[in-house]
Structure formats: C-alpha cells, structure tokens
PDB file of N, CA and C in Angstrom:
ATOM      1  N   MET A   1      16.004  -0.740 -22.155  1.00  0.00           N
ATOM      2  CA  MET A   1      14.942  -0.402 -23.067  1.00  0.00           C
ATOM      3  C   MET A   1      15.135  -0.999 -24.455  1.00  0.00           C
ATOM      4  N   PRO A   2      16.288  -1.470 -24.828  1.00  0.00           N
ATOM      5  CA  PRO A   2      16.387  -2.009 -26.178  1.00  0.00           C
ATOM      6  C   PRO A   2      15.527  -3.264 -26.376  1.00  0.00           C
ATOM      7  N   ILE A   3      15.280  -4.022 -25.318  1.00  0.00           N
ATOM      8  CA  ILE A   3      14.510  -5.258 -25.447  1.00  0.00           C
ATOM      9  C   ILE A   3      13.014  -4.986 -25.352  1.00  0.00           C
ATOM     10  N   SER A   4      12.607  -4.243 -24.346  1.00  0.00           N
ATOM     11  CA  SER A   4      11.181  -3.957 -24.170  1.00  0.00           C
ATOM     12  C   SER A   4      11.024  -2.601 -23.486  1.00  0.00           C
ATOM     13  N   PRO A   5       9.843  -2.033 -23.570  1.00  0.00           N
ATOM     14  CA  PRO A   5       9.616  -0.752 -22.888  1.00  0.00           C
ATOM     15  C   PRO A   5       9.775  -0.900 -21.373  1.00  0.00           C
ATOM     16  N   SER A   6      10.107   0.180 -20.723  1.00  0.00           N
ATOM     17  CA  SER A   6      10.269   0.178 -19.266  1.00  0.00           C
ATOM     18  C   SER A   6       9.071   0.834 -18.603  1.00  0.00           C
ATOM     19  N   LEU A   7       8.741   0.339 -17.427  1.00  0.00           N
ATOM     20  CA  LEU A   7       7.699   0.944 -16.609  1.00  0.00           C
ATOM     21  C   LEU A   7       8.406   1.811 -15.575  1.00  0.00           C
ATOM     22  N   ILE A   8       8.106   3.104 -15.615  1.00  0.00           N
ATOM     23  CA  ILE A   8       8.720   4.041 -14.675  1.00  0.00           C
ATOM     24  C   ILE A   8       7.606   4.719 -13.890  1.00  0.00           C
ATOM     25  N   VAL A   9       7.765   4.750 -12.575  1.00  0.00           N
ATOM     26  CA  VAL A   9       6.777   5.380 -11.698  1.00  0.00           C
ATOM     27  C   VAL A   9       7.409   6.628 -11.096  1.00  0.00           C
ATOM     28  N   PHE A  10       6.643   7.712 -11.105  1.00  0.00           N
ATOM     29  CA  PHE A  10       7.064   8.956 -10.478  1.00  0.00           C
ATOM     30  C   PHE A  10       6.204   9.152  -9.240  1.00  0.00           C
ATOM     31  N   PRO A  11       6.717   8.779  -8.056  1.00  0.00           N
ATOM     32  CA  PRO A  11       5.920   8.875  -6.830  1.00  0.00           C
ATOM     33  C   PRO A  11       5.400  10.287  -6.590  1.00  0.00           C
ATOM     34  N   GLN A  12       4.160  10.372  -6.155  1.00  0.00           N
ATOM     35  CA  GLN A  12       3.525  11.664  -5.918  1.00  0.00           C
ATOM     36  C   GLN A  12       4.280  12.475  -4.871  1.00  0.00           C
ATOM     37  N   ALA A  13       4.707  11.821  -3.807  1.00  0.00           N
ATOM     38  CA  ALA A  13       5.396  12.527  -2.722  1.00  0.00           C
ATOM     39  C   ALA A  13       6.774  13.039  -3.148  1.00  0.00           C
ATOM     40  N   LYS A  14       7.428  12.323  -4.056  1.00  0.00           N
ATOM     41  CA  LYS A  14       8.774  12.709  -4.522  1.00  0.00           C
ATOM     42  C   LYS A  14       8.855  12.490  -6.033  1.00  0.00           C
ATOM     43  N   PRO A  15       8.191  13.347  -6.817  1.00  0.00           N
ATOM     44  CA  PRO A  15       8.134  13.126  -8.266  1.00  0.00           C
ATOM     45  C   PRO A  15       9.486  13.163  -8.973  1.00  0.00           C
ATOM     46  N   THR A  16      10.476  13.758  -8.358  1.00  0.00           N
ATOM     47  CA  THR A  16      11.795  13.801  -8.985  1.00  0.00           C
ATOM     48  C   THR A  16      12.578  12.504  -8.781  1.00  0.00           C
ATOM     49  N   GLU A  17      12.083  11.632  -7.907  1.00  0.00           N
ATOM     50  CA  GLU A  17      12.760  10.365  -7.624  1.00  0.00           C
ATOM     51  C   GLU A  17      12.012   9.225  -8.305  1.00  0.00           C
ATOM     52  N   SER A  18      12.181   9.104  -9.613  1.00  0.00           N
ATOM     53  CA  SER A  18      11.493   8.063 -10.366  1.00  0.00           C
ATOM     54  C   SER A  18      12.058   6.689 -10.021  1.00  0.00           C
ATOM     55  N   VAL A  19      11.214   5.681 -10.178  1.00  0.00           N
ATOM     56  CA  VAL A  19      11.605   4.311  -9.888  1.00  0.00           C
ATOM     57  C   VAL A  19      11.243   3.462 -11.099  1.00  0.00           C
ATOM     58  N   MET A  20      12.191   2.666 -11.582  1.00  0.00           N
ATOM     59  CA  MET A  20      11.947   1.830 -12.746  1.00  0.00           C
ATOM     60  C   MET A  20      11.647   0.403 -12.314  1.00  0.00           C
ATOM     61  N   PHE A  21      10.691  -0.217 -12.998  1.00  0.00           N
ATOM     62  CA  PHE A  21      10.352  -1.617 -12.728  1.00  0.00           C
ATOM     63  C   PHE A  21      11.612  -2.459 -12.941  1.00  0.00           C
ATOM     64  N   PRO A  22      11.938  -3.328 -11.982  1.00  0.00           N
ATOM     65  CA  PRO A  22      13.176  -4.112 -12.082  1.00  0.00           C
ATOM     66  C   PRO A  22      13.181  -5.003 -13.333  1.00  0.00           C
ATOM     67  N   THR A  23      14.304  -5.068 -13.984  1.00  0.00           N
ATOM     68  CA  THR A  23      14.411  -5.873 -15.198  1.00  0.00           C
ATOM     69  C   THR A  23      14.505  -7.364 -14.891  1.00  0.00           C
ATOM     70  N   ASP A  24      14.846  -7.717 -13.647  1.00  0.00           N
ATOM     71  CA  ASP A  24      14.981  -9.126 -13.297  1.00  0.00           C
ATOM     72  C   ASP A  24      13.685  -9.745 -12.756  1.00  0.00           C
ATOM     73  N   VAL A  25      12.602  -8.966 -12.713  1.00  0.00           N
ATOM     74  CA  VAL A  25      11.315  -9.467 -12.220  1.00  0.00           C
ATOM     75  C   VAL A  25      10.423  -9.801 -13.416  1.00  0.00           C
ATOM     76  N   ARG A  26       9.740 -10.934 -13.317  1.00  0.00           N
ATOM     77  CA  ARG A  26       8.834 -11.338 -14.395  1.00  0.00           C
ATOM     78  C   ARG A  26       7.708 -10.317 -14.548  1.00  0.00           C
ATOM     79  N   ILE A  27       7.395  -9.976 -15.771  1.00  0.00           N
ATOM     80  CA  ILE A  27       6.345  -8.996 -16.031  1.00  0.00           C
ATOM     81  C   ILE A  27       5.009  -9.723 -16.129  1.00  0.00           C
ATOM     82  N   ASP A  28       4.195  -9.558 -15.095  1.00  0.00           N
ATOM     83  CA  ASP A  28       2.829 -10.059 -15.087  1.00  0.00           C
ATOM     84  C   ASP A  28       1.992  -9.092 -14.251  1.00  0.00           C
ATOM     85  N   VAL A  29       0.696  -9.289 -14.262  1.00  0.00           N
ATOM     86  CA  VAL A  29      -0.201  -8.349 -13.584  1.00  0.00           C
ATOM     87  C   VAL A  29       0.135  -8.236 -12.103  1.00  0.00           C
ATOM     88  N   GLN A  30       0.367  -9.348 -11.445  1.00  0.00           N
ATOM     89  CA  GLN A  30       0.637  -9.337 -10.008  1.00  0.00           C
ATOM     90  C   GLN A  30       1.936  -8.584  -9.687  1.00  0.00           C
ATOM     91  N   SER A  31       2.983  -8.826 -10.472  1.00  0.00           N
ATOM     92  CA  SER A  31       4.264  -8.159 -10.226  1.00  0.00           C
ATOM     93  C   SER A  31       4.164  -6.656 -10.452  1.00  0.00           C
ATOM     94  N   VAL A  32       3.506  -6.268 -11.549  1.00  0.00           N
ATOM     95  CA  VAL A  32       3.372  -4.850 -11.859  1.00  0.00           C
ATOM     96  C   VAL A  32       2.520  -4.156 -10.800  1.00  0.00           C
ATOM     97  N   PHE A  33       1.407  -4.812 -10.392  1.00  0.00           N
ATOM     98  CA  PHE A  33       0.545  -4.238  -9.356  1.00  0.00           C
ATOM     99  C   PHE A  33       1.326  -4.060  -8.058  1.00  0.00           C
ATOM    100  N   ALA A  34       2.084  -5.074  -7.661  1.00  0.00           N
ATOM    101  CA  ALA A  34       2.882  -4.991  -6.427  1.00  0.00           C
ATOM    102  C   ALA A  34       3.915  -3.866  -6.530  1.00  0.00           C
ATOM    103  N   PHE A  35       4.544  -3.724  -7.692  1.00  0.00           N
ATOM    104  CA  PHE A  35       5.535  -2.671  -7.892  1.00  0.00           C
ATOM    105  C   PHE A  35       4.899  -1.290  -7.758  1.00  0.00           C
ATOM    106  N   VAL A  36       3.764  -1.085  -8.415  1.00  0.00           N
ATOM    107  CA  VAL A  36       3.103   0.220  -8.366  1.00  0.00           C
ATOM    108  C   VAL A  36       2.626   0.514  -6.950  1.00  0.00           C
ATOM    109  N   ILE A  37       2.020  -0.463  -6.298  1.00  0.00           N
ATOM    110  CA  ILE A  37       1.536  -0.286  -4.922  1.00  0.00           C
ATOM    111  C   ILE A  37       2.697   0.096  -4.000  1.00  0.00           C
ATOM    112  N   ALA A  38       3.850  -0.525  -4.192  1.00  0.00           N
ATOM    113  CA  ALA A  38       5.004  -0.248  -3.330  1.00  0.00           C
ATOM    114  C   ALA A  38       5.491   1.195  -3.456  1.00  0.00           C
ATOM    115  N   GLN A  39       5.170   1.853  -4.554  1.00  0.00           N
ATOM    116  CA  GLN A  39       5.622   3.228  -4.756  1.00  0.00           C
ATOM    117  C   GLN A  39       4.680   4.251  -4.122  1.00  0.00           C
ATOM    118  N   LEU A  40       3.520   3.807  -3.654  1.00  0.00           N
ATOM    119  CA  LEU A  40       2.522   4.716  -3.086  1.00  0.00           C
ATOM    120  C   LEU A  40       2.785   4.983  -1.616  1.00  0.00           C
ATOM    121  N   GLU A  41       2.197   6.067  -1.126  1.00  0.00           N
ATOM    122  CA  GLU A  41       2.217   6.336   0.309  1.00  0.00           C
ATOM    123  C   GLU A  41       1.389   5.249   1.012  1.00  0.00           C
ATOM    124  N   PRO A  42       1.674   4.963   2.286  1.00  0.00           N
ATOM    125  CA  PRO A  42       0.995   3.866   2.977  1.00  0.00           C
ATOM    126  C   PRO A  42      -0.538   3.884   2.880  1.00  0.00           C
ATOM    127  N   GLU A  43      -1.160   5.035   3.112  1.00  0.00           N
ATOM    128  CA  GLU A  43      -2.624   5.089   3.051  1.00  0.00           C
ATOM    129  C   GLU A  43      -3.122   4.814   1.637  1.00  0.00           C
ATOM    130  N   GLN A  44      -2.392   5.331   0.643  1.00  0.00           N
ATOM    131  CA  GLN A  44      -2.763   5.086  -0.750  1.00  0.00           C
ATOM    132  C   GLN A  44      -2.599   3.615  -1.105  1.00  0.00           C
ATOM    133  N   GLN A  45      -1.598   2.962  -0.525  1.00  0.00           N
ATOM    134  CA  GLN A  45      -1.415   1.528  -0.756  1.00  0.00           C
ATOM    135  C   GLN A  45      -2.665   0.765  -0.335  1.00  0.00           C
ATOM    136  N   VAL A  46      -3.114   1.024   0.901  1.00  0.00           N
ATOM    137  CA  VAL A  46      -4.268   0.296   1.429  1.00  0.00           C
ATOM    138  C   VAL A  46      -5.519   0.622   0.621  1.00  0.00           C
ATOM    139  N   ARG A  47      -5.730   1.887   0.298  1.00  0.00           N
ATOM    140  CA  ARG A  47      -6.904   2.267  -0.496  1.00  0.00           C
ATOM    141  C   ARG A  47      -6.891   1.598  -1.870  1.00  0.00           C
ATOM    142  N   SER A  48      -5.740   1.509  -2.497  1.00  0.00           N
ATOM    143  CA  SER A  48      -5.638   0.861  -3.811  1.00  0.00           C
ATOM    144  C   SER A  48      -5.919  -0.640  -3.710  1.00  0.00           C
ATOM    145  N   VAL A  49      -5.389  -1.264  -2.679  1.00  0.00           N
ATOM    146  CA  VAL A  49      -5.648  -2.692  -2.486  1.00  0.00           C
ATOM    147  C   VAL A  49      -7.141  -2.923  -2.228  1.00  0.00           C
ATOM    148  N   LEU A  50      -7.748  -2.069  -1.404  1.00  0.00           N
ATOM    149  CA  LEU A  50      -9.183  -2.205  -1.142  1.00  0.00           C
ATOM    150  C   LEU A  50     -10.004  -2.004  -2.420  1.00  0.00           C
ATOM    151  N   ALA A  51      -9.626  -1.063  -3.243  1.00  0.00           N
ATOM    152  CA  ALA A  51     -10.329  -0.855  -4.516  1.00  0.00           C
ATOM    153  C   ALA A  51     -10.202  -2.090  -5.394  1.00  0.00           C
ATOM    154  N   SER A  52      -9.033  -2.695  -5.384  1.00  0.00           N
ATOM    155  CA  SER A  52      -8.828  -3.921  -6.150  1.00  0.00           C
ATOM    156  C   SER A  52      -9.689  -5.053  -5.593  1.00  0.00           C
ATOM    157  N   CYS A  53      -9.792  -5.134  -4.262  1.00  0.00           N
ATOM    158  CA  CYS A  53     -10.617  -6.176  -3.633  1.00  0.00           C
ATOM    159  C   CYS A  53     -12.085  -6.029  -4.043  1.00  0.00           C
ATOM    160  N   ARG A  54     -12.556  -4.796  -4.113  1.00  0.00           N
ATOM    161  CA  ARG A  54     -13.960  -4.556  -4.474  1.00  0.00           C
ATOM    162  C   ARG A  54     -14.272  -4.983  -5.905  1.00  0.00           C
ATOM    163  N   ARG A  55     -13.268  -4.921  -6.778  1.00  0.00           N
ATOM    164  CA  ARG A  55     -13.479  -5.287  -8.178  1.00  0.00           C
ATOM    165  C   ARG A  55     -13.407  -6.796  -8.410  1.00  0.00           C
ATOM    166  N   ARG A  56     -12.850  -7.520  -7.476  1.00  0.00           N
ATOM    167  CA  ARG A  56     -12.666  -8.965  -7.647  1.00  0.00           C
ATOM    168  C   ARG A  56     -13.966  -9.717  -7.416  1.00  0.00           C
ATOM    169  N   MET A  57     -14.155 -10.705  -8.229  1.00  0.00           N
ATOM    170  CA  MET A  57     -15.310 -11.580  -8.036  1.00  0.00           C
ATOM    171  C   MET A  57     -14.913 -12.790  -7.185  1.00  0.00           C
ATOM    172  N   ARG A  58     -13.662 -13.234  -7.321  1.00  0.00           N
ATOM    173  CA  ARG A  58     -13.169 -14.380  -6.563  1.00  0.00           C
ATOM    174  C   ARG A  58     -12.059 -13.929  -5.620  1.00  0.00           C
ATOM    175  N   ASN A  59     -11.801 -14.752  -4.633  1.00  0.00           N
ATOM    176  CA  ASN A  59     -10.695 -14.513  -3.681  1.00  0.00           C
ATOM    177  C   ASN A  59     -10.806 -13.191  -2.934  1.00  0.00           C
ATOM    178  N   VAL A  60     -12.033 -12.724  -2.706  1.00  0.00           N
ATOM    179  CA  VAL A  60     -12.221 -11.459  -1.991  1.00  0.00           C
ATOM    180  C   VAL A  60     -11.682 -11.572  -0.575  1.00  0.00           C
ATOM    181  N   ARG A  61     -11.922 -12.695   0.064  1.00  0.00           N
ATOM    182  CA  ARG A  61     -11.477 -12.883   1.451  1.00  0.00           C
ATOM    183  C   ARG A  61      -9.957 -12.792   1.563  1.00  0.00           C
ATOM    184  N   SER A  62      -9.232 -13.468   0.664  1.00  0.00           N
ATOM    185  CA  SER A  62      -7.765 -13.415   0.735  1.00  0.00           C
ATOM    186  C   SER A  62      -7.263 -12.011   0.420  1.00  0.00           C
ATOM    187  N   CYS A  63      -7.961 -11.301  -0.450  1.00  0.00           N
ATOM    188  CA  CYS A  63      -7.588  -9.923  -0.773  1.00  0.00           C
ATOM    189  C   CYS A  63      -7.783  -9.033   0.458  1.00  0.00           C
ATOM    190  N   LEU A  64      -8.918  -9.202   1.141  1.00  0.00           N
ATOM    191  CA  LEU A  64      -9.175  -8.412   2.354  1.00  0.00           C
ATOM    192  C   LEU A  64      -8.196  -8.776   3.464  1.00  0.00           C
ATOM    193  N   ASP A  65      -7.829 -10.052   3.550  1.00  0.00           N
ATOM    194  CA  ASP A  65      -6.825 -10.463   4.532  1.00  0.00           C
ATOM    195  C   ASP A  65      -5.485  -9.785   4.239  1.00  0.00           C
ATOM    196  N   PHE A  66      -5.133  -9.708   2.950  1.00  0.00           N
ATOM    197  CA  PHE A  66      -3.902  -9.006   2.563  1.00  0.00           C
ATOM    198  C   PHE A  66      -3.975  -7.541   2.958  1.00  0.00           C
ATOM    199  N   ALA A  67      -5.128  -6.905   2.699  1.00  0.00           N
ATOM    200  CA  ALA A  67      -5.310  -5.489   3.058  1.00  0.00           C
ATOM    201  C   ALA A  67      -5.182  -5.302   4.566  1.00  0.00           C
ATOM    202  N   ARG A  68      -5.789  -6.205   5.329  1.00  0.00           N
ATOM    203  CA  ARG A  68      -5.703  -6.115   6.787  1.00  0.00           C
ATOM    204  C   ARG A  68      -4.253  -6.248   7.252  1.00  0.00           C
ATOM    205  N   ASN A  69      -3.522  -7.196   6.681  1.00  0.00           N
ATOM    206  CA  ASN A  69      -2.118  -7.379   7.061  1.00  0.00           C
ATOM    207  C   ASN A  69      -1.279  -6.164   6.680  1.00  0.00           C
ATOM    208  N   LEU A  70      -1.611  -5.547   5.552  1.00  0.00           N
ATOM    209  CA  LEU A  70      -0.912  -4.336   5.128  1.00  0.00           C
ATOM    210  C   LEU A  70      -1.148  -3.207   6.124  1.00  0.00           C
ATOM    211  N   VAL A  71      -2.394  -3.059   6.575  1.00  0.00           N
ATOM    212  CA  VAL A  71      -2.720  -2.044   7.578  1.00  0.00           C
ATOM    213  C   VAL A  71      -1.932  -2.311   8.862  1.00  0.00           C
ATOM    214  N   LEU A  72      -1.954  -3.539   9.325  1.00  0.00           N
ATOM    215  CA  LEU A  72      -1.252  -3.880  10.563  1.00  0.00           C
ATOM    216  C   LEU A  72       0.261  -3.658  10.425  1.00  0.00           C
ATOM    217  N   GLN A  73       0.811  -3.946   9.255  1.00  0.00           N
ATOM    218  CA  GLN A  73       2.232  -3.711   9.003  1.00  0.00           C
ATOM    219  C   GLN A  73       2.556  -2.228   9.101  1.00  0.00           C
ATOM    220  N   HIS A  74       1.724  -1.390   8.496  1.00  0.00           N
ATOM    221  CA  HIS A  74       1.974   0.052   8.543  1.00  0.00           C
ATOM    222  C   HIS A  74       1.773   0.605   9.953  1.00  0.00           C
ATOM    223  N   VAL A  75       0.772   0.119  10.660  1.00  0.00           N
ATOM    224  CA  VAL A  75       0.552   0.561  12.041  1.00  0.00           C
ATOM    225  C   VAL A  75       1.766   0.223  12.890  1.00  0.00           C
ATOM    226  N   SER A  76       2.273  -0.980  12.733  1.00  0.00           N
ATOM    227  CA  SER A  76       3.458  -1.395  13.485  1.00  0.00           C
ATOM    228  C   SER A  76       4.640  -0.482  13.192  1.00  0.00           C
ATOM    229  N   GLN A  77       4.816  -0.141  11.919  1.00  0.00           N
ATOM    230  CA  GLN A  77       5.921   0.740  11.538  1.00  0.00           C
ATOM    231  C   GLN A  77       5.746   2.131  12.141  1.00  0.00           C
ATOM    232  N   TYR A  78       4.517   2.674  12.096  1.00  0.00           N
ATOM    233  CA  TYR A  78       4.299   4.003  12.672  1.00  0.00           C
ATOM    234  C   TYR A  78       4.461   3.994  14.192  1.00  0.00           C
ATOM    235  N   LEU A  79       4.092   2.904  14.843  1.00  0.00           N
ATOM    236  CA  LEU A  79       4.291   2.834  16.291  1.00  0.00           C
ATOM    237  C   LEU A  79       5.781   2.825  16.648  1.00  0.00           C
ATOM    238  N   LYS A  80       6.589   2.184  15.796  1.00  0.00           N
ATOM    239  CA  LYS A  80       8.040   2.227  16.024  1.00  0.00           C
ATOM    240  C   LYS A  80       8.545   3.654  15.876  1.00  0.00           C
ATOM    241  N   PHE A  81       8.055   4.345  14.832  1.00  0.00           N
ATOM    242  CA  PHE A  81       8.442   5.748  14.647  1.00  0.00           C
ATOM    243  C   PHE A  81       7.975   6.591  15.821  1.00  0.00           C
ATOM    244  N   TRP A  82       6.815   6.286  16.367  1.00  0.00           N
ATOM    245  CA  TRP A  82       6.241   7.025  17.496  1.00  0.00           C
ATOM    246  C   TRP A  82       7.215   7.040  18.661  1.00  0.00           C
ATOM    247  N   GLU A  83       7.826   5.896  18.913  1.00  0.00           N
ATOM    248  CA  GLU A  83       8.767   5.798  20.021  1.00  0.00           C
ATOM    249  C   GLU A  83      10.043   6.598  19.749  1.00  0.00           C
ATOM    250  N   ILE A  84      10.434   6.687  18.493  1.00  0.00           N
ATOM    251  CA  ILE A  84      11.698   7.319  18.142  1.00  0.00           C
ATOM    252  C   ILE A  84      11.571   8.834  18.005  1.00  0.00           C
ATOM    253  N   TYR A  85      10.513   9.278  17.332  1.00  0.00           N
ATOM    254  CA  TYR A  85      10.409  10.699  16.974  1.00  0.00           C
ATOM    255  C   TYR A  85       9.306  11.398  17.763  1.00  0.00           C
ATOM    256  N   GLU A  86       9.666  12.041  18.814  1.00  0.00           N
ATOM    257  CA  GLU A  86       8.679  12.714  19.655  1.00  0.00           C
ATOM    258  C   GLU A  86       8.025  13.887  18.939  1.00  0.00           C
ATOM    259  N   ARG A  87       8.787  14.683  18.209  1.00  0.00           N
ATOM    260  CA  ARG A  87       8.239  15.874  17.559  1.00  0.00           C
ATOM    261  C   ARG A  87       7.269  15.547  16.433  1.00  0.00           C
ATOM    262  N   GLU A  88       7.409  14.395  15.820  1.00  0.00           N
ATOM    263  CA  GLU A  88       6.562  14.027  14.689  1.00  0.00           C
ATOM    264  C   GLU A  88       5.301  13.275  15.119  1.00  0.00           C
ATOM    265  N   ARG A  89       5.029  13.206  16.399  1.00  0.00           N
ATOM    266  CA  ARG A  89       3.919  12.393  16.892  1.00  0.00           C
ATOM    267  C   ARG A  89       2.561  12.824  16.367  1.00  0.00           C
ATOM    268  N   ASP A  90       2.328  14.120  16.159  1.00  0.00           N
ATOM    269  CA  ASP A  90       1.034  14.564  15.636  1.00  0.00           C
ATOM    270  C   ASP A  90       0.780  14.003  14.243  1.00  0.00           C
ATOM    271  N   ALA A  91       1.806  14.022  13.408  1.00  0.00           N
ATOM    272  CA  ALA A  91       1.659  13.472  12.052  1.00  0.00           C
ATOM    273  C   ALA A  91       1.434  11.961  12.109  1.00  0.00           C
ATOM    274  N   ILE A  92       2.171  11.286  12.980  1.00  0.00           N
ATOM    275  CA  ILE A  92       2.012   9.839  13.117  1.00  0.00           C
ATOM    276  C   ILE A  92       0.616   9.507  13.636  1.00  0.00           C
ATOM    277  N   LEU A  93       0.129  10.273  14.598  1.00  0.00           N
ATOM    278  CA  LEU A  93      -1.217  10.046  15.128  1.00  0.00           C
ATOM    279  C   LEU A  93      -2.259  10.213  14.030  1.00  0.00           C
ATOM    280  N   SER A  94      -2.076  11.171  13.160  1.00  0.00           N
ATOM    281  CA  SER A  94      -2.986  11.374  12.041  1.00  0.00           C
ATOM    282  C   SER A  94      -3.001  10.145  11.132  1.00  0.00           C
ATOM    283  N   HIS A  95      -1.825   9.601  10.834  1.00  0.00           N
ATOM    284  CA  HIS A  95      -1.746   8.390  10.013  1.00  0.00           C
ATOM    285  C   HIS A  95      -2.435   7.220  10.707  1.00  0.00           C
ATOM    286  N   LEU A  96      -2.185   7.078  12.009  1.00  0.00           N
ATOM    287  CA  LEU A  96      -2.787   5.968  12.751  1.00  0.00           C
ATOM    288  C   LEU A  96      -4.310   6.077  12.776  1.00  0.00           C
ATOM    289  N   LYS A  97      -4.841   7.274  12.887  1.00  0.00           N
ATOM    290  CA  LYS A  97      -6.296   7.459  12.856  1.00  0.00           C
ATOM    291  C   LYS A  97      -6.864   7.038  11.506  1.00  0.00           C
ATOM    292  N   GLU A  98      -6.179   7.410  10.432  1.00  0.00           N
ATOM    293  CA  GLU A  98      -6.655   7.031   9.096  1.00  0.00           C
ATOM    294  C   GLU A  98      -6.597   5.514   8.917  1.00  0.00           C
ATOM    295  N   PHE A  99      -5.523   4.887   9.412  1.00  0.00           N
ATOM    296  CA  PHE A  99      -5.445   3.432   9.330  1.00  0.00           C
ATOM    297  C   PHE A  99      -6.524   2.770  10.173  1.00  0.00           C
ATOM    298  N   ASN A 100      -6.849   3.363  11.307  1.00  0.00           N
ATOM    299  CA  ASN A 100      -7.924   2.816  12.125  1.00  0.00           C
ATOM    300  C   ASN A 100      -9.229   2.826  11.345  1.00  0.00           C
ATOM    301  N   ASP A 101      -9.526   3.913  10.668  1.00  0.00           N
ATOM    302  CA  ASP A 101     -10.742   3.986   9.852  1.00  0.00           C
ATOM    303  C   ASP A 101     -10.728   2.934   8.745  1.00  0.00           C
ATOM    304  N   LEU A 102      -9.576   2.780   8.082  1.00  0.00           N
ATOM    305  CA  LEU A 102      -9.460   1.769   7.033  1.00  0.00           C
ATOM    306  C   LEU A 102      -9.634   0.365   7.594  1.00  0.00           C
ATOM    307  N   HIS A 103      -9.024   0.118   8.755  1.00  0.00           N
ATOM    308  CA  HIS A 103      -9.121  -1.203   9.379  1.00  0.00           C
ATOM    309  C   HIS A 103     -10.566  -1.518   9.747  1.00  0.00           C
ATOM    310  N   MET A 104     -11.269  -0.559  10.277  1.00  0.00           N
ATOM    311  CA  MET A 104     -12.673  -0.777  10.636  1.00  0.00           C
ATOM    312  C   MET A 104     -13.497  -1.088   9.384  1.00  0.00           C
ATOM    313  N   SER A 105     -13.206  -0.434   8.287  1.00  0.00           N
ATOM    314  CA  SER A 105     -13.896  -0.677   7.028  1.00  0.00           C
ATOM    315  C   SER A 105     -13.618  -2.091   6.523  1.00  0.00           C
ATOM    316  N   ILE A 106     -12.365  -2.510   6.619  1.00  0.00           N
ATOM    317  CA  ILE A 106     -12.002  -3.860   6.199  1.00  0.00           C
ATOM    318  C   ILE A 106     -12.702  -4.897   7.072  1.00  0.00           C
ATOM    319  N   GLU A 107     -12.668  -4.706   8.389  1.00  0.00           N
ATOM    320  CA  GLU A 107     -13.308  -5.642   9.295  1.00  0.00           C
ATOM    321  C   GLU A 107     -14.801  -5.764   9.015  1.00  0.00           C
ATOM    322  N   SER A 108     -15.460  -4.648   8.725  1.00  0.00           N
ATOM    323  CA  SER A 108     -16.892  -4.720   8.434  1.00  0.00           C
ATOM    324  C   SER A 108     -17.144  -5.425   7.110  1.00  0.00           C
ATOM    325  N   SER A 109     -16.219  -5.282   6.140  1.00  0.00           N
ATOM    326  CA  SER A 109     -16.351  -5.988   4.859  1.00  0.00           C
ATOM    327  C   SER A 109     -16.138  -7.485   5.044  1.00  0.00           C
ATOM    328  N   ILE A 110     -15.184  -7.857   5.886  1.00  0.00           N
ATOM    329  CA  ILE A 110     -14.931  -9.278   6.142  1.00  0.00           C
ATOM    330  C   ILE A 110     -16.131  -9.904   6.845  1.00  0.00           C
ATOM    331  N   GLY A 111     -16.784  -9.135   7.707  1.00  0.00           N
ATOM    332  CA  GLY A 111     -17.925  -9.656   8.468  1.00  0.00           C
ATOM    333  C   GLY A 111     -19.170  -9.868   7.624  1.00  0.00           C
ATOM    334  N   LEU A 112     -19.207  -9.343   6.408  1.00  0.00           N
ATOM    335  CA  LEU A 112     -20.392  -9.484   5.556  1.00  0.00           C
ATOM    336  C   LEU A 112     -20.595 -10.877   5.056  1.00  0.00           C
TER     337      LEU A 112
END
C-alpha cells in the first residue's frame, strides 16, 4: 500500500476470506474485471459477463463466446463433482439447471 491503493474483494460466500488484487499484475480495466469476476460464485460470474456483453457496442460476439466458454467450463467442473460427491448431487443439479438457462439465453443472443 505505500506505492498505491490496494483493491480488496470480500467474496459474498466467504466475506471473512478477503482477496487482494495481485501486486505483480498490471492494473487495467481487463485485469481488474477478470480479478473481480474470479472472486464471484460461478453463476454470478456468468451473469456479470453477460451484463458486460450487453453494455458493449463492439466485440459482442467474442464476449458472448467467452460467456459460453465460461458456462461450459463450469458445467464440466460440476459434472466432475457429480461423479465424486453423491450426496451433493441435488445442489449440483440445481447449478446445472441454472447454467442450462444461462446457456440457452446466450445461444439465443448469438443467434440474433
């Protein structure tokens, strides 16, 4: 902090576990956005990226492609958990249903 202010995020799911923006990463809009997005829960990550895509005038397609890849990445991770944790399957199924809804929304936006 002696050189510049620090960006600290307090994740909603674990507010006592704060995360500080790395000092070795260049401070620009893309880096800060990626850092903040990484601290969110998976569904919140996708929703935030989609909100950002809606505000963009240019590169909407690449933004939606990124959102789609993010959804597929999270689905893949939850499917791995599905195989490992039998008791948690109801929670995982709930997440997968929400991602399915998000994916369908992205696909319909790409088709426009």
